[in-house]
Amino acid sequence: MRRLLSAFVTASLLSLAALPASAQAVFPNQGSIGLTPPPGMTEIANVAGFEDRVAKASMLLVEMPPAVFESVVTTFASDALQKQGVTIEQRRDIDLASGGKAVLLTGYQSVGTVALKKWIMLASGKDMAGIVTVQFPETASATYPDAVIEATLRSVVFRAPPTQDEMLARLPFTIANLEGYRVLKVLGGSAVLMTKAPVETTEGEGHPFFIAGVAMGDIREDDRESIAKRAIATVPGVKNLQIERGGPLRIGGQAGFELIGKGEDGRTGKPVKVAQWMRFGRTSYLRMIGVAPADSFDADFDGMRGLRDGIELR
């Protein structure tokens, strides 16, 4: 009994000592989930996560509304994960250092001939819930022992999601009028995803959405049409897209290119229509995309153009 007690105390002390007591939580990609990363891991640019490229170790954080937390937990059943090549050896409830609760799954994933150690933690806070996944080859176990990884996961904290104004302030451009859209998220600090879906809706499915982003590059006039056509083929959430019409036009006093197409919702297969505008500057260009159900596209088109015309680089 004394040996068991001693081993338990030692393991607990190792877990607590694995991270510096004075370390502050880091919120990667300015998100709402933060933690104290283990020594050796650094933030991934424009991604909510950390990595150690030498050890091939990664840690990714995914946010989700607290309202869907319980339903998401049920999808992480061992048999369902096994179909994805993930073997869960242990599943248990744990307490976070912040006082929150979480479900921790540990095991491994086989990728070809490589066995990856795997941790999946599902945690919930007052204003936000999230999933944290950690993985690395077994050869990196000495660099990242179990006690260190668990201490890292227990350090997870949540903060209130940023306001819409705070998210818009992160962008390298301003939007004069949202035209009834609301901001869902800022993508990589250079793009924004907006929707007309009601606030209580966790997915924008079936509702118009709009994406605006800026990229660096001077696009030659004779390349603009081909680049615009290649770009519209990559609109997220749309499949079987076909271009109906398009051509050059002026947007905000600068050269631009418009394309209108039709396709299908990637999840439901329902018909949608897409408007894409590219506005070319000397050193960068704006790409703006509006997607709406086909039967309401004409009614939404004016709002999309209003969004387009109100976007200006800072």
C-alpha atoms as a PDB file:
ATOM      1  CA  MET A   1       0.000   0.000   0.000  1.00  0.00           C
ATOM      2  CA  ARG A   2       2.800   2.441   0.885  1.00  0.00           C
ATOM      3  CA  ARG A   3       4.489   1.700  -2.434  1.00  0.00           C
ATOM      4  CA  LEU A   4       1.256   2.362  -4.320  1.00  0.00           C
ATOM      5  CA  LEU A   5       0.677   5.596  -2.390  1.00  0.00           C
ATOM      6  CA  SER A   6       4.261   6.678  -2.980  1.00  0.00           C
ATOM      7  CA  ALA A   7       3.979   5.959  -6.703  1.00  0.00           C
ATOM      8  CA  PHE A   8       0.727   7.922  -6.894  1.00  0.00           C
ATOM      9  CA  VAL A   9       2.214  10.934  -5.101  1.00  0.00           C
ATOM     10  CA  THR A  10       5.319  10.821  -7.282  1.00  0.00           C
ATOM     11  CA  ALA A  11       3.250  10.719 -10.479  1.00  0.00           C
ATOM     12  CA  SER A  12       1.093  13.583  -9.267  1.00  0.00           C
ATOM     13  CA  LEU A  13       4.124  15.700  -8.425  1.00  0.00           C
ATOM     14  CA  LEU A  14       5.678  14.941 -11.810  1.00  0.00           C
ATOM     15  CA  SER A  15       2.481  16.021 -13.539  1.00  0.00           C
ATOM     16  CA  LEU A  16       2.322  19.264 -11.580  1.00  0.00           C
ATOM     17  CA  ALA A  17       6.007  19.957 -12.047  1.00  0.00           C
ATOM     18  CA  ALA A  18       6.023  19.182 -15.724  1.00  0.00           C
ATOM     19  CA  LEU A  19       5.201  22.784 -16.615  1.00  0.00           C
ATOM     20  CA  PRO A  20       6.557  25.967 -15.019  1.00  0.00           C
ATOM     21  CA  ALA A  21       4.253  27.209 -12.269  1.00  0.00           C
ATOM     22  CA  SER A  22       4.523  30.782 -13.523  1.00  0.00           C
ATOM     23  CA  ALA A  23       3.783  29.919 -17.154  1.00  0.00           C
ATOM     24  CA  GLN A  24       0.943  31.839 -18.757  1.00  0.00           C
ATOM     25  CA  ALA A  25      -1.649  30.318 -21.048  1.00  0.00           C
ATOM     26  CA  VAL A  26      -1.073  30.974 -24.738  1.00  0.00           C
ATOM     27  CA  PHE A  27      -4.095  31.437 -27.014  1.00  0.00           C
ATOM     28  CA  PRO A  28      -2.880  30.371 -30.474  1.00  0.00           C
ATOM     29  CA  ASN A  29      -4.254  32.229 -33.486  1.00  0.00           C
ATOM     30  CA  GLN A  30      -5.920  34.633 -31.002  1.00  0.00           C
ATOM     31  CA  GLY A  31      -8.569  32.026 -30.259  1.00  0.00           C
ATOM     32  CA  SER A  32     -10.738  31.397 -27.217  1.00  0.00           C
ATOM     33  CA  ILE A  33      -8.895  28.249 -26.069  1.00  0.00           C
ATOM     34  CA  GLY A  34      -5.519  28.595 -24.394  1.00  0.00           C
ATOM     35  CA  LEU A  35      -3.031  26.352 -22.643  1.00  0.00           C
ATOM     36  CA  THR A  36       0.545  26.285 -21.423  1.00  0.00           C
ATOM     37  CA  PRO A  37       2.487  24.533 -24.198  1.00  0.00           C
ATOM     38  CA  PRO A  38       5.280  22.144 -23.237  1.00  0.00           C
ATOM     39  CA  PRO A  39       8.892  23.238 -23.785  1.00  0.00           C
ATOM     40  CA  GLY A  40       9.867  22.629 -27.399  1.00  0.00           C
ATOM     41  CA  MET A  41       6.498  23.412 -28.937  1.00  0.00           C
ATOM     42  CA  THR A  42       5.831  26.755 -30.619  1.00  0.00           C
ATOM     43  CA  GLU A  43       2.761  28.325 -32.182  1.00  0.00           C
ATOM     44  CA  ILE A  44       1.854  27.425 -35.760  1.00  0.00           C
ATOM     45  CA  ALA A  45       1.403  30.538 -37.877  1.00  0.00           C
ATOM     46  CA  ASN A  46      -2.266  31.266 -38.631  1.00  0.00           C
ATOM     47  CA  VAL A  47      -3.374  27.991 -37.019  1.00  0.00           C
ATOM     48  CA  ALA A  48      -4.857  27.276 -33.595  1.00  0.00           C
ATOM     49  CA  GLY A  49      -2.104  24.950 -32.504  1.00  0.00           C
ATOM     50  CA  PHE A  50       1.517  24.242 -31.628  1.00  0.00           C
ATOM     51  CA  GLU A  51       4.220  22.104 -33.160  1.00  0.00           C
ATOM     52  CA  ASP A  52       7.735  20.750 -32.790  1.00  0.00           C
ATOM     53  CA  ARG A  53       8.925  20.082 -36.322  1.00  0.00           C
ATOM     54  CA  VAL A  54      12.038  18.258 -35.229  1.00  0.00           C
ATOM     55  CA  ALA A  55      10.084  15.757 -33.126  1.00  0.00           C
ATOM     56  CA  LYS A  56       7.169  15.757 -35.628  1.00  0.00           C
ATOM     57  CA  ALA A  57       4.856  16.595 -32.736  1.00  0.00           C
ATOM     58  CA  SER A  58       1.702  18.661 -33.058  1.00  0.00           C
ATOM     59  CA  MET A  59      -1.092  19.966 -30.864  1.00  0.00           C
ATOM     60  CA  LEU A  60      -4.274  21.350 -32.437  1.00  0.00           C
ATOM     61  CA  LEU A  61      -7.173  23.191 -30.783  1.00  0.00           C
ATOM     62  CA  VAL A  62     -10.693  23.305 -32.244  1.00  0.00           C
ATOM     63  CA  GLU A  63     -13.407  25.562 -30.819  1.00  0.00           C
ATOM     64  CA  MET A  64     -17.090  24.689 -30.659  1.00  0.00           C
ATOM     65  CA  PRO A  65     -20.211  26.086 -28.940  1.00  0.00           C
ATOM     66  CA  PRO A  66     -20.940  24.643 -25.470  1.00  0.00           C
ATOM     67  CA  ALA A  67     -24.461  23.752 -26.659  1.00  0.00           C
ATOM     68  CA  VAL A  68     -23.135  21.010 -28.934  1.00  0.00           C
ATOM     69  CA  PHE A  69     -20.511  19.646 -26.533  1.00  0.00           C
ATOM     70  CA  GLU A  70     -22.457  16.624 -25.261  1.00  0.00           C
ATOM     71  CA  SER A  71     -23.486  15.537 -28.741  1.00  0.00           C
ATOM     72  CA  VAL A  72     -19.900  15.836 -29.965  1.00  0.00           C
ATOM     73  CA  VAL A  73     -18.622  13.709 -27.066  1.00  0.00           C
ATOM     74  CA  THR A  74     -20.860  10.837 -28.155  1.00  0.00           C
ATOM     75  CA  THR A  75     -19.294  10.858 -31.627  1.00  0.00           C
ATOM     76  CA  PHE A  76     -15.899  10.041 -30.110  1.00  0.00           C
ATOM     77  CA  ALA A  77     -16.826   6.455 -29.280  1.00  0.00           C
ATOM     78  CA  SER A  78     -13.953   3.990 -29.469  1.00  0.00           C
ATOM     79  CA  ASP A  79     -15.514   1.938 -32.265  1.00  0.00           C
ATOM     80  CA  ALA A  80     -16.117   5.039 -34.396  1.00  0.00           C
ATOM     81  CA  LEU A  81     -12.519   6.180 -33.923  1.00  0.00           C
ATOM     82  CA  GLN A  82     -11.251   2.685 -34.699  1.00  0.00           C
ATOM     83  CA  LYS A  83     -12.772   3.017 -38.168  1.00  0.00           C
ATOM     84  CA  GLN A  84     -10.537   6.062 -38.646  1.00  0.00           C
ATOM     85  CA  GLY A  85      -7.466   4.124 -37.609  1.00  0.00           C
ATOM     86  CA  VAL A  86      -7.376   5.460 -34.040  1.00  0.00           C
ATOM     87  CA  THR A  87      -7.172   2.885 -31.242  1.00  0.00           C
ATOM     88  CA  ILE A  88      -8.319   4.192 -27.849  1.00  0.00           C
ATOM     89  CA  GLU A  89      -6.669   2.406 -24.927  1.00  0.00           C
ATOM     90  CA  GLN A  90      -8.067   4.540 -22.115  1.00  0.00           C
ATOM     91  CA  ARG A  91     -10.986   6.933 -21.663  1.00  0.00           C
ATOM     92  CA  ARG A  92     -11.464   8.882 -18.445  1.00  0.00           C
ATOM     93  CA  ASP A  93     -12.858  12.067 -16.959  1.00  0.00           C
ATOM     94  CA  ILE A  94     -10.301  14.589 -15.709  1.00  0.00           C
ATOM     95  CA  ASP A  95     -10.347  17.931 -13.904  1.00  0.00           C
ATOM     96  CA  LEU A  96      -8.755  20.979 -15.494  1.00  0.00           C
ATOM     97  CA  ALA A  97      -6.523  23.271 -13.461  1.00  0.00           C
ATOM     98  CA  SER A  98      -9.082  26.027 -14.091  1.00  0.00           C
ATOM     99  CA  GLY A  99     -11.808  23.954 -12.405  1.00  0.00           C
ATOM    100  CA  GLY A 100     -13.448  22.757 -15.597  1.00  0.00           C
ATOM    101  CA  LYS A 101     -14.199  19.203 -16.622  1.00  0.00           C
ATOM    102  CA  ALA A 102     -12.953  17.228 -19.590  1.00  0.00           C
ATOM    103  CA  VAL A 103     -12.957  13.788 -21.183  1.00  0.00           C
ATOM    104  CA  LEU A 104      -9.512  12.459 -22.075  1.00  0.00           C
ATOM    105  CA  LEU A 105      -8.925   9.682 -24.601  1.00  0.00           C
ATOM    106  CA  THR A 106      -5.460   8.196 -25.046  1.00  0.00           C
ATOM    107  CA  GLY A 107      -4.154   5.661 -27.517  1.00  0.00           C
ATOM    108  CA  TYR A 108      -2.387   5.541 -30.831  1.00  0.00           C
ATOM    109  CA  GLN A 109      -2.969   5.881 -34.559  1.00  0.00           C
ATOM    110  CA  SER A 110      -1.322   3.829 -37.262  1.00  0.00           C
ATOM    111  CA  VAL A 111      -0.287   5.818 -40.327  1.00  0.00           C
ATOM    112  CA  GLY A 112       1.316   3.378 -42.734  1.00  0.00           C
ATOM    113  CA  THR A 113       4.174   1.757 -40.852  1.00  0.00           C
ATOM    114  CA  VAL A 114       4.390   4.584 -38.291  1.00  0.00           C
ATOM    115  CA  ALA A 115       2.652   4.402 -34.916  1.00  0.00           C
ATOM    116  CA  LEU A 116       1.626   7.792 -33.539  1.00  0.00           C
ATOM    117  CA  LYS A 117       0.844   8.321 -29.872  1.00  0.00           C
ATOM    118  CA  LYS A 118      -2.471  10.142 -29.617  1.00  0.00           C
ATOM    119  CA  TRP A 119      -4.348  12.208 -27.040  1.00  0.00           C
ATOM    120  CA  ILE A 120      -7.839  13.601 -27.621  1.00  0.00           C
ATOM    121  CA  MET A 121      -9.337  15.849 -24.959  1.00  0.00           C
ATOM    122  CA  LEU A 122     -12.875  17.207 -25.095  1.00  0.00           C
ATOM    123  CA  ALA A 123     -13.337  20.074 -22.656  1.00  0.00           C
ATOM    124  CA  SER A 124     -16.119  22.526 -21.910  1.00  0.00           C
ATOM    125  CA  GLY A 125     -16.135  25.971 -20.323  1.00  0.00           C
ATOM    126  CA  LYS A 126     -18.820  28.575 -19.657  1.00  0.00           C
ATOM    127  CA  ASP A 127     -18.605  30.385 -22.990  1.00  0.00           C
ATOM    128  CA  MET A 128     -16.729  27.913 -25.166  1.00  0.00           C
ATOM    129  CA  ALA A 129     -15.967  24.232 -25.609  1.00  0.00           C
ATOM    130  CA  GLY A 130     -13.227  22.600 -27.564  1.00  0.00           C
ATOM    131  CA  ILE A 131     -11.227  19.621 -28.694  1.00  0.00           C
ATOM    132  CA  VAL A 132      -7.467  19.383 -28.205  1.00  0.00           C
ATOM    133  CA  THR A 133      -5.540  16.691 -30.054  1.00  0.00           C
ATOM    134  CA  VAL A 134      -1.884  15.811 -29.562  1.00  0.00           C
ATOM    135  CA  GLN A 135       0.117  13.368 -31.637  1.00  0.00           C
ATOM    136  CA  PHE A 136       3.717  12.420 -32.356  1.00  0.00           C
ATOM    137  CA  PRO A 137       5.737   9.314 -33.235  1.00  0.00           C
ATOM    138  CA  GLU A 138       6.533   6.963 -30.366  1.00  0.00           C
ATOM    139  CA  THR A 139      10.202   7.848 -30.902  1.00  0.00           C
ATOM    140  CA  ALA A 140       9.417  11.311 -29.440  1.00  0.00           C
ATOM    141  CA  SER A 141       8.098   9.877 -26.162  1.00  0.00           C
ATOM    142  CA  ALA A 142      11.293  10.747 -24.311  1.00  0.00           C
ATOM    143  CA  THR A 143      10.925  14.381 -25.368  1.00  0.00           C
ATOM    144  CA  TYR A 144       7.230  14.484 -24.488  1.00  0.00           C
ATOM    145  CA  PRO A 145       6.532  12.015 -21.662  1.00  0.00           C
ATOM    146  CA  ASP A 146       2.947  11.278 -20.655  1.00  0.00           C
ATOM    147  CA  ALA A 147       3.174  13.431 -17.520  1.00  0.00           C
ATOM    148  CA  VAL A 148       4.133  16.488 -19.557  1.00  0.00           C
ATOM    149  CA  ILE A 149       1.333  16.010 -22.094  1.00  0.00           C
ATOM    150  CA  GLU A 150      -1.286  15.479 -19.402  1.00  0.00           C
ATOM    151  CA  ALA A 151      -0.114  18.557 -17.495  1.00  0.00           C
ATOM    152  CA  THR A 152      -0.388  20.535 -20.711  1.00  0.00           C
ATOM    153  CA  LEU A 153      -3.921  19.317 -21.344  1.00  0.00           C
ATOM    154  CA  ARG A 154      -4.990  20.039 -17.781  1.00  0.00           C
ATOM    155  CA  SER A 155      -3.778  23.631 -18.244  1.00  0.00           C
ATOM    156  CA  VAL A 156      -6.477  24.347 -20.842  1.00  0.00           C
ATOM    157  CA  VAL A 157      -8.468  27.507 -20.127  1.00  0.00           C
ATOM    158  CA  PHE A 158     -11.245  29.293 -21.972  1.00  0.00           C
ATOM    159  CA  ARG A 159     -11.945  32.946 -22.493  1.00  0.00           C
ATOM    160  CA  ALA A 160     -15.018  34.665 -23.879  1.00  0.00           C
ATOM    161  CA  PRO A 161     -15.155  34.665 -27.676  1.00  0.00           C
ATOM    162  CA  PRO A 162     -14.075  37.949 -29.266  1.00  0.00           C
ATOM    163  CA  THR A 163     -16.777  40.413 -30.204  1.00  0.00           C
ATOM    164  CA  GLN A 164     -17.582  41.040 -33.838  1.00  0.00           C
ATOM    165  CA  ASP A 165     -15.768  44.390 -33.710  1.00  0.00           C
ATOM    166  CA  GLU A 166     -12.686  42.714 -32.208  1.00  0.00           C
ATOM    167  CA  MET A 167     -12.640  40.115 -34.973  1.00  0.00           C
ATOM    168  CA  LEU A 168     -13.028  42.753 -37.681  1.00  0.00           C
ATOM    169  CA  ALA A 169     -10.204  44.782 -36.144  1.00  0.00           C
ATOM    170  CA  ARG A 170      -7.795  41.896 -36.828  1.00  0.00           C
ATOM    171  CA  LEU A 171      -8.302  42.150 -40.574  1.00  0.00           C
ATOM    172  CA  PRO A 172      -6.043  44.058 -42.978  1.00  0.00           C
ATOM    173  CA  PHE A 173      -9.162  45.657 -44.498  1.00  0.00           C
ATOM    174  CA  THR A 174     -12.322  47.405 -43.314  1.00  0.00           C
ATOM    175  CA  ILE A 175     -15.944  46.627 -44.192  1.00  0.00           C
ATOM    176  CA  ALA A 176     -18.220  49.658 -44.450  1.00  0.00           C
ATOM    177  CA  ASN A 177     -21.540  47.795 -44.197  1.00  0.00           C
ATOM    178  CA  LEU A 178     -22.168  44.171 -43.243  1.00  0.00           C
ATOM    179  CA  GLU A 179     -25.443  44.109 -45.208  1.00  0.00           C
ATOM    180  CA  GLY A 180     -27.167  41.865 -42.663  1.00  0.00           C
ATOM    181  CA  TYR A 181     -24.268  39.396 -42.389  1.00  0.00           C
ATOM    182  CA  ARG A 182     -22.489  38.561 -39.140  1.00  0.00           C
ATOM    183  CA  VAL A 183     -18.919  37.465 -38.599  1.00  0.00           C
ATOM    184  CA  LEU A 184     -18.385  33.770 -37.873  1.00  0.00           C
ATOM    185  CA  LYS A 185     -14.602  33.745 -37.747  1.00  0.00           C
ATOM    186  CA  VAL A 186     -11.420  35.385 -38.918  1.00  0.00           C
ATOM    187  CA  LEU A 187      -9.244  33.046 -40.954  1.00  0.00           C
ATOM    188  CA  GLY A 188      -5.496  33.373 -40.548  1.00  0.00           C
ATOM    189  CA  GLY A 189      -5.668  37.103 -39.865  1.00  0.00           C
ATOM    190  CA  SER A 190      -6.178  37.824 -43.577  1.00  0.00           C
ATOM    191  CA  ALA A 191      -9.722  36.629 -44.347  1.00  0.00           C
ATOM    192  CA  VAL A 192     -13.181  36.658 -42.788  1.00  0.00           C
ATOM    193  CA  LEU A 193     -16.144  34.277 -43.005  1.00  0.00           C
ATOM    194  CA  MET A 194     -19.605  35.831 -42.591  1.00  0.00           C
ATOM    195  CA  THR A 195     -23.098  34.384 -42.694  1.00  0.00           C
ATOM    196  CA  LYS A 196     -26.748  35.375 -42.623  1.00  0.00           C
ATOM    197  CA  ALA A 197     -27.573  32.354 -40.466  1.00  0.00           C
ATOM    198  CA  PRO A 198     -29.269  33.210 -37.138  1.00  0.00           C
ATOM    199  CA  VAL A 199     -27.012  33.518 -34.082  1.00  0.00           C
ATOM    200  CA  GLU A 200     -28.461  30.378 -32.497  1.00  0.00           C
ATOM    201  CA  THR A 201     -27.533  28.338 -35.562  1.00  0.00           C
ATOM    202  CA  THR A 202     -24.238  26.493 -35.105  1.00  0.00           C
ATOM    203  CA  GLU A 203     -23.853  25.822 -38.836  1.00  0.00           C
ATOM    204  CA  GLY A 204     -24.435  28.200 -41.725  1.00  0.00           C
ATOM    205  CA  GLU A 205     -25.895  25.425 -43.879  1.00  0.00           C
ATOM    206  CA  GLY A 206     -28.759  26.622 -46.062  1.00  0.00           C
ATOM    207  CA  HIS A 207     -28.003  30.298 -45.471  1.00  0.00           C
ATOM    208  CA  PRO A 208     -25.991  32.767 -47.554  1.00  0.00           C
ATOM    209  CA  PHE A 209     -22.339  33.169 -46.598  1.00  0.00           C
ATOM    210  CA  PHE A 210     -19.605  35.540 -47.698  1.00  0.00           C
ATOM    211  CA  ILE A 211     -15.825  35.245 -47.571  1.00  0.00           C
ATOM    212  CA  ALA A 212     -13.399  38.112 -48.096  1.00  0.00           C
ATOM    213  CA  GLY A 213      -9.637  37.827 -47.982  1.00  0.00           C
ATOM    214  CA  VAL A 214      -6.484  39.538 -49.122  1.00  0.00           C
ATOM    215  CA  ALA A 215      -3.381  37.941 -50.632  1.00  0.00           C
ATOM    216  CA  MET A 216      -0.049  39.359 -51.691  1.00  0.00           C
ATOM    217  CA  GLY A 217       0.953  39.444 -55.326  1.00  0.00           C
ATOM    218  CA  ASP A 218       0.888  41.565 -58.454  1.00  0.00           C
ATOM    219  CA  ILE A 219      -1.352  39.735 -60.931  1.00  0.00           C
ATOM    220  CA  ARG A 220      -0.687  40.634 -64.567  1.00  0.00           C
ATOM    221  CA  GLU A 221      -3.676  41.713 -66.622  1.00  0.00           C
ATOM    222  CA  ASP A 222      -3.402  38.781 -69.031  1.00  0.00           C
ATOM    223  CA  ASP A 223      -3.381  36.284 -66.099  1.00  0.00           C
ATOM    224  CA  ARG A 224      -6.424  37.617 -64.249  1.00  0.00           C
ATOM    225  CA  GLU A 225      -9.137  35.636 -66.030  1.00  0.00           C
ATOM    226  CA  SER A 226      -7.368  32.284 -65.712  1.00  0.00           C
ATOM    227  CA  ILE A 227      -6.527  32.901 -62.053  1.00  0.00           C
ATOM    228  CA  ALA A 228     -10.131  33.888 -61.298  1.00  0.00           C
ATOM    229  CA  LYS A 229     -11.450  30.724 -62.987  1.00  0.00           C
ATOM    230  CA  ARG A 230      -9.043  28.502 -61.076  1.00  0.00           C
ATOM    231  CA  ALA A 231      -9.949  30.235 -57.812  1.00  0.00           C
ATOM    232  CA  ILE A 232     -13.716  29.847 -58.155  1.00  0.00           C
ATOM    233  CA  ALA A 233     -13.253  26.101 -58.550  1.00  0.00           C
ATOM    234  CA  THR A 234     -11.942  26.008 -54.961  1.00  0.00           C
ATOM    235  CA  VAL A 235     -14.874  27.733 -53.210  1.00  0.00           C
ATOM    236  CA  PRO A 236     -15.319  25.843 -49.915  1.00  0.00           C
ATOM    237  CA  GLY A 237     -18.505  23.863 -49.397  1.00  0.00           C
ATOM    238  CA  VAL A 238     -19.482  23.873 -53.077  1.00  0.00           C
ATOM    239  CA  LYS A 239     -19.160  20.958 -55.507  1.00  0.00           C
ATOM    240  CA  ASN A 240     -19.833  20.449 -59.228  1.00  0.00           C
ATOM    241  CA  LEU A 241     -19.422  24.165 -59.883  1.00  0.00           C
ATOM    242  CA  GLN A 242     -20.025  25.469 -63.389  1.00  0.00           C
ATOM    243  CA  ILE A 243     -19.315  29.032 -64.504  1.00  0.00           C
ATOM    244  CA  GLU A 244     -22.334  30.739 -66.049  1.00  0.00           C
ATOM    245  CA  ARG A 245     -20.971  34.172 -66.887  1.00  0.00           C
ATOM    246  CA  GLY A 246     -18.326  36.699 -66.000  1.00  0.00           C
ATOM    247  CA  GLY A 247     -15.813  39.256 -67.151  1.00  0.00           C
ATOM    248  CA  PRO A 248     -13.664  42.230 -66.135  1.00  0.00           C
ATOM    249  CA  LEU A 249     -15.134  45.207 -64.257  1.00  0.00           C
ATOM    250  CA  ARG A 250     -14.037  48.060 -61.989  1.00  0.00           C
ATOM    251  CA  ILE A 251     -14.352  47.607 -58.228  1.00  0.00           C
ATOM    252  CA  GLY A 252     -13.600  50.539 -55.973  1.00  0.00           C
ATOM    253  CA  GLY A 253     -11.730  52.289 -58.757  1.00  0.00           C
ATOM    254  CA  GLN A 254      -9.461  49.304 -59.377  1.00  0.00           C
ATOM    255  CA  ALA A 255      -9.380  46.562 -61.974  1.00  0.00           C
ATOM    256  CA  GLY A 256     -11.442  43.541 -61.088  1.00  0.00           C
ATOM    257  CA  PHE A 257     -12.919  40.331 -62.428  1.00  0.00           C
ATOM    258  CA  GLU A 258     -16.375  38.901 -61.750  1.00  0.00           C
ATOM    259  CA  LEU A 259     -17.568  35.319 -62.142  1.00  0.00           C
ATOM    260  CA  ILE A 260     -21.035  33.899 -61.465  1.00  0.00           C
ATOM    261  CA  GLY A 261     -21.488  30.161 -61.229  1.00  0.00           C
ATOM    262  CA  LYS A 262     -23.826  27.425 -60.082  1.00  0.00           C
ATOM    263  CA  GLY A 263     -23.155  24.247 -58.163  1.00  0.00           C
ATOM    264  CA  GLU A 264     -24.318  22.073 -55.293  1.00  0.00           C
ATOM    265  CA  ASP A 265     -24.016  22.340 -51.534  1.00  0.00           C
ATOM    266  CA  GLY A 266     -21.180  20.006 -50.551  1.00  0.00           C
ATOM    267  CA  ARG A 267     -23.213  18.473 -47.702  1.00  0.00           C
ATOM    268  CA  THR A 268     -26.816  18.453 -48.861  1.00  0.00           C
ATOM    269  CA  GLY A 269     -26.434  18.426 -52.632  1.00  0.00           C
ATOM    270  CA  LYS A 270     -28.971  21.261 -52.911  1.00  0.00           C
ATOM    271  CA  PRO A 271     -28.401  23.792 -55.724  1.00  0.00           C
ATOM    272  CA  VAL A 272     -26.464  26.942 -54.856  1.00  0.00           C
ATOM    273  CA  LYS A 273     -25.105  29.895 -56.797  1.00  0.00           C
ATOM    274  CA  VAL A 274     -21.745  31.579 -56.350  1.00  0.00           C
ATOM    275  CA  ALA A 275     -20.460  35.084 -57.043  1.00  0.00           C
ATOM    276  CA  GLN A 276     -16.716  35.663 -56.969  1.00  0.00           C
ATOM    277  CA  TRP A 277     -14.984  39.008 -57.328  1.00  0.00           C
ATOM    278  CA  MET A 278     -11.261  39.636 -57.480  1.00  0.00           C
ATOM    279  CA  ARG A 279      -9.965  43.187 -57.095  1.00  0.00           C
ATOM    280  CA  PHE A 280      -6.372  43.720 -58.179  1.00  0.00           C
ATOM    281  CA  GLY A 281      -3.937  46.189 -56.649  1.00  0.00           C
ATOM    282  CA  ARG A 282      -0.253  46.805 -57.276  1.00  0.00           C
ATOM    283  CA  THR A 283       1.091  44.522 -54.555  1.00  0.00           C
ATOM    284  CA  SER A 284      -1.978  42.578 -53.388  1.00  0.00           C
ATOM    285  CA  TYR A 285      -5.458  41.542 -54.411  1.00  0.00           C
ATOM    286  CA  LEU A 286      -8.797  41.035 -52.710  1.00  0.00           C
ATOM    287  CA  ARG A 287     -10.887  37.948 -53.297  1.00  0.00           C
ATOM    288  CA  MET A 288     -14.560  38.108 -52.314  1.00  0.00           C
ATOM    289  CA  ILE A 289     -17.020  35.207 -52.536  1.00  0.00           C
ATOM    290  CA  GLY A 290     -20.762  35.105 -51.961  1.00  0.00           C
ATOM    291  CA  VAL A 291     -22.692  31.826 -51.850  1.00  0.00           C
ATOM    292  CA  ALA A 292     -26.454  31.432 -51.471  1.00  0.00           C
ATOM    293  CA  PRO A 293     -29.171  28.872 -52.184  1.00  0.00           C
ATOM    294  CA  ALA A 294     -30.057  29.059 -55.884  1.00  0.00           C
ATOM    295  CA  ASP A 295     -33.681  30.016 -55.227  1.00  0.00           C
ATOM    296  CA  SER A 296     -32.713  33.071 -53.125  1.00  0.00           C
ATOM    297  CA  PHE A 297     -29.503  34.102 -54.878  1.00  0.00           C
ATOM    298  CA  ASP A 298     -31.038  36.947 -56.895  1.00  0.00           C
ATOM    299  CA  ALA A 299     -32.518  38.462 -53.735  1.00  0.00           C
ATOM    300  CA  ASP A 300     -29.167  38.185 -51.918  1.00  0.00           C
ATOM    301  CA  PHE A 301     -27.027  39.429 -54.784  1.00  0.00           C
ATOM    302  CA  ASP A 302     -27.444  43.153 -54.040  1.00  0.00           C
ATOM    303  CA  GLY A 303     -26.313  42.627 -50.449  1.00  0.00           C
ATOM    304  CA  MET A 304     -23.253  40.724 -51.638  1.00  0.00           C
ATOM    305  CA  ARG A 305     -22.343  43.568 -53.978  1.00  0.00           C
ATOM    306  CA  GLY A 306     -22.830  46.022 -51.136  1.00  0.00           C
ATOM    307  CA  LEU A 307     -20.370  44.050 -49.040  1.00  0.00           C
ATOM    308  CA  ARG A 308     -17.956  43.911 -51.949  1.00  0.00           C
ATOM    309  CA  ASP A 309     -18.067  47.643 -52.597  1.00  0.00           C
ATOM    310  CA  GLY A 310     -17.545  48.501 -48.931  1.00  0.00           C
ATOM    311  CA  ILE A 311     -14.282  46.617 -48.455  1.00  0.00           C
ATOM    312  CA  GLU A 312     -11.114  48.738 -48.367  1.00  0.00           C
ATOM    313  CA  LEU A 313      -7.545  47.883 -47.422  1.00  0.00           C
ATOM    314  CA  ARG A 314      -6.322  49.579 -44.262  1.00  0.00           C
END
